[in-house]
């Protein structure tokens, strides 16, 4: 019996498949139980993407690190979220850190 693709079993996850970074891999070729990593794109911004296995996405609905605020990108940086505070960023006392980068 052929395994069903995520298009049949997990349509919401299939919609989040990254259309560019997965190359020729089509959603009808991906099985939700697969441990082979693929790229996923989230609707929070252009830079919200993560590589993880479909089985993790399907079983736990893994959320991208950028959505959780663990990884800083353009759309969740200090300068994007709190522009007035970012304007107070000291240009030399913070070393190489910038208001649009991860500070942890």
Protein backbone atom coordinates (compact mmCIF):
# COMPACT_ATOMS: atom_id res chain seq x y z
CA UNK A 1 0.00 0.00 0.00
CA UNK A 2 1.43 3.38 -0.99
CA UNK A 3 1.91 5.97 1.72
CA UNK A 4 -0.21 9.07 1.46
CA UNK A 5 1.47 12.45 0.98
CA UNK A 6 1.12 15.47 3.27
CA UNK A 7 -1.24 16.91 0.65
CA UNK A 8 -3.68 14.17 1.64
CA UNK A 9 -2.95 13.88 5.35
CA UNK A 10 -1.75 17.32 6.52
CA UNK A 11 -2.88 19.97 4.06
CA UNK A 12 -2.12 22.88 6.42
CA UNK A 13 1.50 21.74 6.72
CA UNK A 14 1.74 21.12 2.97
CA UNK A 15 0.78 24.77 2.40
CA UNK A 16 3.82 25.84 4.47
CA UNK A 17 6.31 23.92 2.29
CA UNK A 18 8.96 26.31 1.01
CA UNK A 19 8.55 26.46 -2.76
CA UNK A 20 12.12 27.56 -3.54
CA UNK A 21 14.46 25.98 -0.97
CA UNK A 22 13.06 22.47 -1.47
CA UNK A 23 14.17 22.41 -5.09
CA UNK A 24 12.38 19.73 -7.13
CA UNK A 25 10.80 18.07 -4.07
CA UNK A 26 7.02 18.28 -4.54
CA UNK A 27 4.48 18.10 -1.69
CA UNK A 28 2.93 14.97 -3.19
CA UNK A 29 6.35 13.30 -2.72
CA UNK A 30 6.53 14.13 1.01
CA UNK A 31 5.05 11.78 3.60
CA UNK A 32 4.15 13.23 7.00
CA UNK A 33 6.05 10.44 8.78
CA UNK A 34 9.30 11.09 6.90
CA UNK A 35 12.45 12.00 8.84
CA UNK A 36 14.10 13.55 5.76
CA UNK A 37 14.38 17.31 6.36
CA UNK A 38 12.60 19.83 4.19
CA UNK A 39 12.20 23.62 4.28
CA UNK A 40 9.04 25.29 5.60
CA UNK A 41 7.87 28.88 5.21
CA UNK A 42 5.68 30.67 7.74
CA UNK A 43 3.30 33.54 6.99
CA UNK A 44 4.79 35.85 9.66
CA UNK A 45 7.23 37.42 7.19
CA UNK A 46 9.51 36.84 4.23
CA UNK A 47 12.35 35.72 6.50
CA UNK A 48 10.38 33.20 8.59
CA UNK A 49 11.60 29.82 7.39
CA UNK A 50 13.00 26.66 8.98
CA UNK A 51 14.41 23.32 7.90
CA UNK A 52 12.97 20.36 9.79
CA UNK A 53 11.59 16.89 9.13
CA UNK A 54 7.93 16.45 8.15
CA UNK A 55 7.41 13.96 10.97
CA UNK A 56 8.31 16.67 13.51
CA UNK A 57 6.05 19.19 11.78
CA UNK A 58 3.14 16.77 11.58
CA UNK A 59 3.36 15.32 15.09
CA UNK A 60 4.20 18.40 17.13
CA UNK A 61 3.39 21.32 14.83
CA UNK A 62 6.90 22.67 15.32
CA UNK A 63 7.01 26.45 15.17
CA UNK A 64 9.93 28.22 13.53
CA UNK A 65 12.52 29.77 15.85
CA UNK A 66 11.84 33.18 14.37
CA UNK A 67 8.14 32.90 15.22
CA UNK A 68 9.05 32.14 18.82
CA UNK A 69 11.55 34.99 18.91
CA UNK A 70 14.52 32.65 19.44
CA UNK A 71 16.19 33.77 16.21
CA UNK A 72 16.28 37.43 15.27
CA UNK A 73 15.51 38.36 11.68
CA UNK A 74 14.38 41.57 10.00
CA UNK A 75 10.71 41.20 10.96
CA UNK A 76 11.25 40.46 14.66
CA UNK A 77 14.33 42.58 15.41
CA UNK A 78 14.41 45.38 17.95
CA UNK A 79 14.51 47.96 15.18
CA UNK A 80 11.43 46.47 13.48
CA UNK A 81 9.33 45.92 16.59
CA UNK A 82 10.41 48.94 18.65
CA UNK A 83 11.80 51.53 16.27
CA UNK A 84 11.76 54.34 18.85
CA UNK A 85 13.82 52.27 21.28
CA UNK A 86 16.19 51.22 18.49
CA UNK A 87 16.86 54.89 17.75
CA UNK A 88 18.37 55.12 21.26
CA UNK A 89 20.85 52.31 20.48
CA UNK A 90 24.34 53.56 21.27
CA UNK A 91 26.57 53.34 18.17
CA UNK A 92 29.80 52.40 20.01
CA UNK A 93 28.96 51.07 23.50
CA UNK A 94 27.29 47.95 22.10
CA UNK A 95 30.38 46.79 20.25
CA UNK A 96 29.57 45.00 17.01
CA UNK A 97 25.91 44.44 17.93
CA UNK A 98 23.22 46.28 16.00
CA UNK A 99 19.57 46.91 16.84
CA UNK A 100 18.56 44.69 13.93
CA UNK A 101 20.56 41.67 15.10
CA UNK A 102 20.37 39.01 17.78
CA UNK A 103 21.72 40.29 21.06
CA UNK A 104 21.69 37.05 23.09
